[in-house]
Amino acid sequence: MLVKGEISNFKHHYTGHMYFTLKDENSLIKCVMFKGYTDKLAFIPKDGMKVVILGTVSVFERDGVYQIYAKAMKEDGIGDLHTKYEELKAKLEKEGLFSVEHKKKIPFMPKCVGVLTSNTGAVIRDIINVSTRRNPNVYIKLLPVPVQGPGAAEKIAKAIELMNEKKLADVIIVARGGGSLEDLWTFNEEIVARAIYESKLPIISAVGHETDFTIADFTADLRAPTPSAAAELAVPRIEDIQEKLETYRSRFKNSLIKKLEFMKLRYQKCMAGKAFKDPMQKINEQYMLLDRIVKKIEYNIVNKVKDEKTKMIKSISKLDALSPLKTLTRGYTVTEHNGKIVNSSKILKTGDKIEITFSDGKSSAQIT
């Protein structure tokens, strides 16, 4: 029997057996492929693949349901949801919604953690248990939202906007448990991706299991493999913080002790100095220095006066040697006519009155 359909909820067991669901637009059926047949596959099955299966139908007695026991499988293209997922992922990546530069830092010590998930189920219990165990002082604020089904994406986007508008938390965890590609499809909707990207509050995405990747994971500021891991990433262990604070306290104490020891040694060195042992010594040394400077100034002044006096005497001697009075003492006279010195007989005429200067006085005369 040949059956065509899309793989969903695929699980590859550690024993080598494969368990999955085969579905089309109207129905689905469980399938199993034992290890003896999986070894012959030319590809690795995954959710969203369209395949053609050769096998038989039988009832699984424990559950009382029909399922296909596959013996061979070949690819028949990729499912519509998977194609839609890849197209949206490529579009948003091109727009920069996944860029590392846009990722916001998760606060180190949040006072309040906002959680967007269903108010029933193990997810919220796991987050509360992990957060309380790590730090009971952190407040968990749950904003219940549907995590799958019609209208779930719009409600999640609206809840993210509300958290930001009212500033209800320091960091947001968007979470749900594992499931098939269809179950997780709400977190592959564009409206959710854009709400996460535009959020001013940092968002941790914890959707599905560790191997599940949604568009929300790529857009969020941080991806956690599970909801419990998201709680660990958002809430630090109080014991670790206390240990770190104790380490800082010890370092500060040791640094302070070393600083005090250094200042004590510096103080002792200062007190051992001459300025503190004999404070007048410094003053007396300065007095002695001042006396030497005064004596040096006095010596320089005396020498300067002596040098200038010698120069003056030399200048006076030169002036005296050049003085006309010195010439008069040797018998020479100076003749003046009308207040002007007569240096030629030709400028005088008979009858001119003249004055003759001697070394000891003046006499008047007339030219005859």
Protein backbone atom coordinates (compact mmCIF):
# COMPACT_ATOMS: atom_id res chain seq x y z
CA MET A 1 0.00 0.00 0.00
CA LEU A 2 1.29 3.47 -0.93
CA VAL A 3 0.24 6.50 1.12
CA LYS A 4 1.13 10.15 0.41
CA GLY A 5 1.08 12.84 3.07
CA GLU A 6 3.00 15.39 5.15
CA ILE A 7 5.17 14.40 8.13
CA SER A 8 4.26 15.94 11.44
CA ASN A 9 5.33 15.46 15.07
CA PHE A 10 8.40 13.49 13.95
CA LYS A 11 10.50 11.72 16.61
CA HIS A 12 13.62 9.66 15.98
CA HIS A 13 13.94 7.35 18.96
CA TYR A 14 17.38 6.50 20.35
CA THR A 15 16.68 2.86 19.48
CA GLY A 16 16.64 3.85 15.80
CA HIS A 17 12.86 3.58 15.34
CA MET A 18 10.96 6.52 13.81
CA TYR A 19 7.56 7.68 15.04
CA PHE A 20 5.54 10.35 13.21
CA THR A 21 2.12 11.37 11.95
CA LEU A 22 1.17 11.45 8.29
CA LYS A 23 -1.48 14.01 7.39
CA ASP A 24 -3.24 15.74 4.55
CA GLU A 25 -5.90 18.46 4.38
CA ASN A 26 -8.63 16.26 5.87
CA SER A 27 -7.11 13.55 8.06
CA LEU A 28 -4.05 12.13 9.77
CA ILE A 29 -2.74 8.72 10.85
CA LYS A 30 0.09 7.61 13.10
CA CYS A 31 3.07 5.86 11.54
CA VAL A 32 6.04 3.88 12.76
CA MET A 33 9.15 2.78 10.89
CA PHE A 34 11.41 0.31 12.64
CA LYS A 35 15.19 0.50 12.62
CA GLY A 36 15.50 -2.37 10.15
CA TYR A 37 13.88 -0.16 7.51
CA THR A 38 15.18 3.29 8.58
CA ASP A 39 18.76 2.28 7.80
CA LYS A 40 17.82 2.10 4.11
CA LEU A 41 16.47 5.71 3.91
CA ALA A 42 18.33 8.03 1.54
CA PHE A 43 17.29 11.15 3.49
CA ILE A 44 16.52 12.27 7.05
CA PRO A 45 12.78 12.82 7.57
CA LYS A 46 11.61 15.96 9.38
CA ASP A 47 8.43 17.88 10.05
CA GLY A 48 6.86 19.49 7.02
CA MET A 49 8.22 17.02 4.47
CA LYS A 50 5.81 15.49 1.98
CA VAL A 51 6.57 11.83 1.51
CA VAL A 52 5.24 8.67 -0.10
CA ILE A 53 5.18 5.63 2.20
CA LEU A 54 5.07 1.96 1.37
CA GLY A 55 3.68 -0.11 4.24
CA THR A 56 0.83 -1.91 5.90
CA VAL A 57 -2.00 -0.80 8.18
CA SER A 58 -2.59 -2.58 11.47
CA VAL A 59 -4.11 -1.94 14.89
CA PHE A 60 -1.80 -1.10 17.76
CA GLU A 61 -3.37 -3.25 20.44
CA ARG A 62 -2.31 -1.17 23.46
CA ASP A 63 -3.98 2.02 22.21
CA GLY A 64 -6.58 0.39 20.00
CA VAL A 65 -5.79 2.71 17.06
CA TYR A 66 -4.82 2.08 13.46
CA GLN A 67 -1.33 3.01 12.36
CA ILE A 68 0.89 2.47 9.35
CA TYR A 69 3.94 0.27 9.65
CA ALA A 70 6.21 1.81 7.03
CA LYS A 71 8.72 -0.30 5.16
CA ALA A 72 9.97 2.27 2.65
CA MET A 73 9.74 6.03 2.24
CA LYS A 74 10.71 8.59 -0.38
CA GLU A 75 10.47 12.37 -0.52
CA ASP A 76 7.56 13.99 -2.30
CA GLY A 77 8.41 17.65 -1.74
CA ILE A 78 8.21 19.97 1.29
CA GLY A 79 4.90 20.68 3.03
CA ASP A 80 3.02 23.95 2.64
CA LEU A 81 3.65 25.05 6.23
CA HIS A 82 7.36 24.41 5.92
CA THR A 83 7.50 26.40 2.68
CA LYS A 84 5.60 29.26 4.30
CA TYR A 85 7.99 29.12 7.27
CA GLU A 86 11.09 29.37 5.06
CA GLU A 87 9.60 32.21 2.98
CA LEU A 88 8.70 34.29 6.06
CA LYS A 89 12.06 33.58 7.66
CA ALA A 90 13.92 34.77 4.56
CA LYS A 91 11.73 37.89 4.32
CA LEU A 92 12.19 38.95 7.95
CA GLU A 93 15.90 38.18 7.91
CA LYS A 94 16.30 40.44 4.88
CA GLU A 95 14.48 43.24 6.73
CA GLY A 96 16.91 42.94 9.64
CA LEU A 97 14.54 41.54 12.28
CA PHE A 98 17.12 38.92 13.24
CA SER A 99 20.11 41.29 13.39
CA VAL A 100 22.40 40.96 16.39
CA GLU A 101 22.72 44.76 16.64
CA HIS A 102 19.05 45.00 17.57
CA LYS A 103 19.23 42.44 20.41
CA LYS A 104 18.66 43.98 23.84
CA LYS A 105 20.61 42.91 26.90
CA ILE A 106 18.77 40.78 29.44
CA PRO A 107 18.79 42.60 32.85
CA PHE A 108 21.07 41.01 35.41
CA MET A 109 18.74 41.44 38.40
CA PRO A 110 15.12 41.76 37.25
CA LYS A 111 12.58 42.60 39.93
CA CYS A 112 9.70 41.29 37.84
CA VAL A 113 9.59 38.69 35.06
CA GLY A 114 6.59 38.79 32.74
CA VAL A 115 5.45 35.45 31.30
CA LEU A 116 3.26 35.09 28.22
CA THR A 117 1.92 31.54 28.03
CA SER A 118 -1.14 29.45 28.83
CA ASN A 119 -2.28 29.67 32.46
CA THR A 120 -2.69 25.89 32.47
CA GLY A 121 -0.12 23.22 31.81
CA ALA A 122 3.43 22.47 32.87
CA VAL A 123 5.11 25.52 31.26
CA ILE A 124 4.05 28.14 33.80
CA ARG A 125 4.59 25.72 36.69
CA ASP A 126 8.12 24.96 35.49
CA ILE A 127 8.94 28.66 35.18
CA ILE A 128 7.55 29.46 38.63
CA ASN A 129 9.33 26.50 40.25
CA VAL A 130 12.71 27.30 38.67
CA SER A 131 12.43 31.06 39.37
CA THR A 132 11.36 30.54 42.99
CA ARG A 133 14.16 28.07 43.59
CA ARG A 134 16.78 30.42 42.11
CA ASN A 135 15.53 33.65 43.69
CA PRO A 136 12.27 33.80 45.66
CA ASN A 137 12.43 37.62 45.68
CA VAL A 138 11.71 37.87 41.93
CA TYR A 139 8.05 38.49 41.14
CA ILE A 140 6.52 36.39 38.32
CA LYS A 141 3.72 38.19 36.48
CA LEU A 142 1.68 35.88 34.23
CA LEU A 143 -0.34 37.35 31.37
CA PRO A 144 -2.33 34.34 30.09
CA VAL A 145 -2.49 33.95 26.30
CA PRO A 146 -3.52 31.08 24.00
CA VAL A 147 -0.43 29.43 22.52
CA GLN A 148 -2.11 27.82 19.50
CA GLY A 149 -5.27 28.00 17.49
CA PRO A 150 -7.10 30.78 15.62
CA GLY A 151 -6.43 34.29 16.95
CA ALA A 152 -3.60 33.15 19.24
CA ALA A 153 -0.93 35.12 17.34
CA GLU A 154 -2.91 38.37 17.56
CA LYS A 155 -3.45 37.92 21.31
CA ILE A 156 0.23 37.23 21.94
CA ALA A 157 1.21 40.34 19.95
CA LYS A 158 -1.34 42.40 21.90
CA ALA A 159 -0.02 41.04 25.23
CA ILE A 160 3.54 42.06 24.28
CA GLU A 161 2.31 45.58 23.46
CA LEU A 162 0.45 45.75 26.79
CA MET A 163 3.52 44.64 28.74
CA ASN A 164 5.51 47.44 27.10
CA GLU A 165 2.82 50.09 27.41
CA LYS A 166 2.21 49.49 31.13
CA LYS A 167 5.86 48.53 31.86
CA LEU A 168 4.63 45.45 33.68
CA ALA A 169 7.99 43.67 33.82
CA ASP A 170 11.74 44.06 33.40
CA VAL A 171 12.00 41.12 30.99
CA ILE A 172 9.41 39.00 29.15
CA ILE A 173 9.41 35.23 28.61
CA VAL A 174 7.28 34.00 25.68
CA ALA A 175 6.87 30.26 26.19
CA ARG A 176 4.99 27.09 25.35
CA GLY A 177 5.67 23.35 25.44
CA GLY A 178 6.77 21.16 22.57
CA GLY A 179 4.64 20.04 19.67
CA SER A 180 4.44 19.56 15.94
CA LEU A 181 5.03 22.26 13.37
CA GLU A 182 1.29 22.94 13.36
CA ASP A 183 1.17 23.20 17.16
CA LEU A 184 3.98 25.75 17.20
CA TRP A 185 2.76 27.69 14.17
CA THR A 186 1.43 30.60 16.23
CA PHE A 187 5.04 31.55 16.96
CA ASN A 188 5.83 31.52 13.22
CA GLU A 189 3.27 34.24 12.48
CA GLU A 190 4.58 37.58 11.21
CA ILE A 191 2.49 39.59 13.68
CA VAL A 192 4.21 37.87 16.62
CA ALA A 193 7.67 38.34 15.11
CA ARG A 194 7.11 42.08 14.59
CA ALA A 195 5.67 42.54 18.08
CA ILE A 196 8.79 40.92 19.55
CA TYR A 197 11.08 43.04 17.36
CA GLU A 198 9.34 46.31 18.32
CA SER A 199 9.28 45.52 22.04
CA LYS A 200 11.25 47.94 24.21
CA LEU A 201 11.43 45.29 26.93
CA PRO A 202 13.91 42.44 26.33
CA ILE A 203 12.23 39.15 25.35
CA ILE A 204 13.36 35.56 25.88
CA SER A 205 11.77 33.01 23.55
CA ALA A 206 11.21 29.52 24.97
CA VAL A 207 9.00 27.75 22.46
CA GLY A 208 8.96 23.98 22.09
CA HIS A 209 11.85 21.65 22.72
CA GLU A 210 15.55 22.24 22.17
CA THR A 211 15.38 21.04 18.55
CA ASP A 212 12.39 23.23 17.68
CA PHE A 213 13.12 26.59 16.04
CA THR A 214 10.43 29.19 15.36
CA ILE A 215 10.47 32.66 13.84
CA ALA A 216 9.96 34.01 17.38
CA ASP A 217 13.27 32.40 18.42
CA PHE A 218 15.18 34.29 15.73
CA THR A 219 13.48 37.63 16.51
CA ALA A 220 13.74 37.46 20.29
CA ASP A 221 16.66 39.00 22.17
CA LEU A 222 17.58 35.58 23.57
CA ARG A 223 16.46 32.02 22.80
CA ALA A 224 16.10 29.41 25.51
CA PRO A 225 15.91 25.70 24.59
CA THR A 226 13.08 25.11 27.11
CA PRO A 227 10.81 27.20 29.38
CA SER A 228 12.77 26.02 32.42
CA ALA A 229 16.00 27.18 30.76
CA ALA A 230 14.35 30.55 30.07
CA ALA A 231 13.65 30.95 33.79
CA GLU A 232 17.29 30.13 34.51
CA LEU A 233 18.46 32.73 31.99
CA ALA A 234 16.11 35.41 33.32
CA VAL A 235 16.53 34.84 37.08
CA PRO A 236 20.03 34.60 38.58
CA ARG A 237 20.65 32.26 41.52
CA ILE A 238 20.55 34.26 44.73
CA GLU A 239 23.31 32.03 46.13
CA ASP A 240 25.59 32.98 43.22
CA ILE A 241 24.92 36.66 43.82
CA GLN A 242 25.54 36.33 47.55
CA GLU A 243 28.75 34.45 46.85
CA LYS A 244 29.86 37.14 44.41
CA LEU A 245 29.01 39.89 46.90
CA GLU A 246 30.98 38.06 49.57
CA THR A 247 33.93 37.84 47.17
CA TYR A 248 33.68 41.58 46.48
CA ARG A 249 33.41 42.30 50.21
CA SER A 250 36.51 40.23 50.91
CA ARG A 251 38.44 41.94 48.10
CA PHE A 252 37.37 45.37 49.35
CA LYS A 253 38.39 44.48 52.91
CA ASN A 254 41.82 43.25 51.78
CA SER A 255 42.32 46.32 49.61
CA LEU A 256 41.38 48.58 52.52
CA ILE A 257 43.81 46.78 54.85
CA LYS A 258 46.62 47.15 52.29
CA LYS A 259 45.77 50.82 51.81
CA LEU A 260 45.86 51.45 55.56
CA GLU A 261 49.21 49.66 55.86
CA PHE A 262 50.62 51.77 53.03
CA MET A 263 49.36 55.00 54.60
CA LYS A 264 50.77 53.93 57.98
CA LEU A 265 54.23 53.36 56.46
CA ARG A 266 54.01 56.69 54.68
CA TYR A 267 53.07 58.42 57.94
CA GLN A 268 55.95 56.78 59.80
CA LYS A 269 58.36 57.84 57.07
CA CYS A 270 57.11 61.42 57.26
CA MET A 271 57.39 61.51 61.07
CA ALA A 272 60.94 60.16 60.84
CA GLY A 273 61.96 63.08 58.63
CA LYS A 274 64.04 66.07 59.87
CA ALA A 275 61.12 68.44 59.47
CA PHE A 276 59.22 66.66 62.22
CA LYS A 277 62.18 65.71 64.45
CA ASP A 278 63.76 69.22 64.48
CA PRO A 279 61.43 71.71 62.77
CA MET A 280 63.76 74.70 63.54
CA GLN A 281 66.63 73.09 61.65
CA LYS A 282 64.97 73.81 58.34
CA ILE A 283 64.32 77.41 59.36
CA ASN A 284 67.90 77.89 60.57
CA GLU A 285 69.20 76.43 57.32
CA GLN A 286 67.15 78.98 55.43
CA TYR A 287 68.47 81.79 57.69
CA MET A 288 72.03 80.72 56.88
CA LEU A 289 71.21 80.62 53.19
CA LEU A 290 69.69 84.10 53.45
CA ASP A 291 72.81 85.46 55.20
CA ARG A 292 75.03 84.09 52.45
CA ILE A 293 72.83 85.69 49.83
CA VAL A 294 72.87 89.09 51.65
CA LYS A 295 76.67 88.97 51.99
CA LYS A 296 77.00 88.12 48.34
CA ILE A 297 74.75 91.06 47.39
CA GLU A 298 76.75 93.46 49.62
CA TYR A 299 80.02 92.22 48.11
CA ASN A 300 78.65 92.69 44.60
CA ILE A 301 77.43 96.22 45.42
CA VAL A 302 80.83 97.26 46.88
CA ASN A 303 82.68 95.87 43.89
CA LYS A 304 80.23 97.55 41.52
CA VAL A 305 80.67 100.95 43.23
CA LYS A 306 84.43 100.55 43.21
CA ASP A 307 84.45 99.68 39.51
CA GLU A 308 82.21 102.63 38.64
CA LYS A 309 84.35 105.02 40.72
CA THR A 310 87.46 103.90 38.88
CA LYS A 311 85.70 104.42 35.54
CA MET A 312 84.60 107.91 36.64
CA ILE A 313 88.12 108.92 37.66
CA LYS A 314 89.45 107.79 34.27
CA SER A 315 86.73 109.78 32.49
CA ILE A 316 87.47 112.91 34.57
CA SER A 317 91.15 112.63 33.75
CA LYS A 318 90.33 112.41 30.04
CA LEU A 319 88.00 115.42 30.27
CA ASP A 320 90.58 117.41 32.23
CA ALA A 321 93.24 116.65 29.62
CA LEU A 322 90.92 117.91 26.90
CA SER A 323 89.76 121.01 28.85
CA PRO A 324 90.66 124.42 27.26
CA LEU A 325 91.32 125.81 30.77
CA LYS A 326 94.23 123.42 31.02
CA THR A 327 95.66 125.05 27.88
CA LEU A 328 95.22 128.55 29.32
CA THR A 329 97.44 127.74 32.30
CA ARG A 330 100.28 127.27 29.90
CA GLY A 331 100.12 130.94 28.72
CA TYR A 332 97.56 130.66 25.96
CA THR A 333 94.45 132.93 25.75
CA VAL A 334 91.05 132.81 24.05
CA THR A 335 89.97 135.86 22.02
CA GLU A 336 86.25 136.61 21.52
CA HIS A 337 84.54 139.25 19.39
CA ASN A 338 80.80 139.79 19.82
CA GLY A 339 80.56 136.54 21.83
CA LYS A 340 82.29 134.45 19.16
CA ILE A 341 85.73 132.94 19.37
CA VAL A 342 88.23 134.57 16.98
CA ASN A 343 90.21 131.89 15.20
CA SER A 344 91.64 134.15 12.44
CA SER A 345 93.05 137.72 12.37
CA LYS A 346 91.28 138.36 9.11
CA ILE A 347 87.84 138.60 10.74
CA LEU A 348 88.98 141.56 12.89
CA LYS A 349 89.14 145.21 11.84
CA THR A 350 90.74 148.30 13.33
CA GLY A 351 88.64 149.64 16.18
CA ASP A 352 86.92 146.27 16.97
CA LYS A 353 86.52 145.64 20.67
CA ILE A 354 87.53 142.18 21.82
CA GLU A 355 87.62 140.15 25.05
CA ILE A 356 90.63 138.13 26.00
CA THR A 357 90.24 135.21 28.41
CA PHE A 358 93.23 134.29 30.57
CA SER A 359 93.55 131.37 32.97
CA ASP A 360 92.75 133.69 35.87
CA GLY A 361 90.22 136.06 34.30
CA LYS A 362 89.14 138.27 31.37
CA SER A 363 90.33 141.63 29.92
CA SER A 364 88.89 143.94 27.24
CA ALA A 365 90.99 145.36 24.38
CA GLN A 366 90.64 147.24 21.06
CA ILE A 367 92.24 146.52 17.73
CA THR A 368 94.64 149.38 16.65
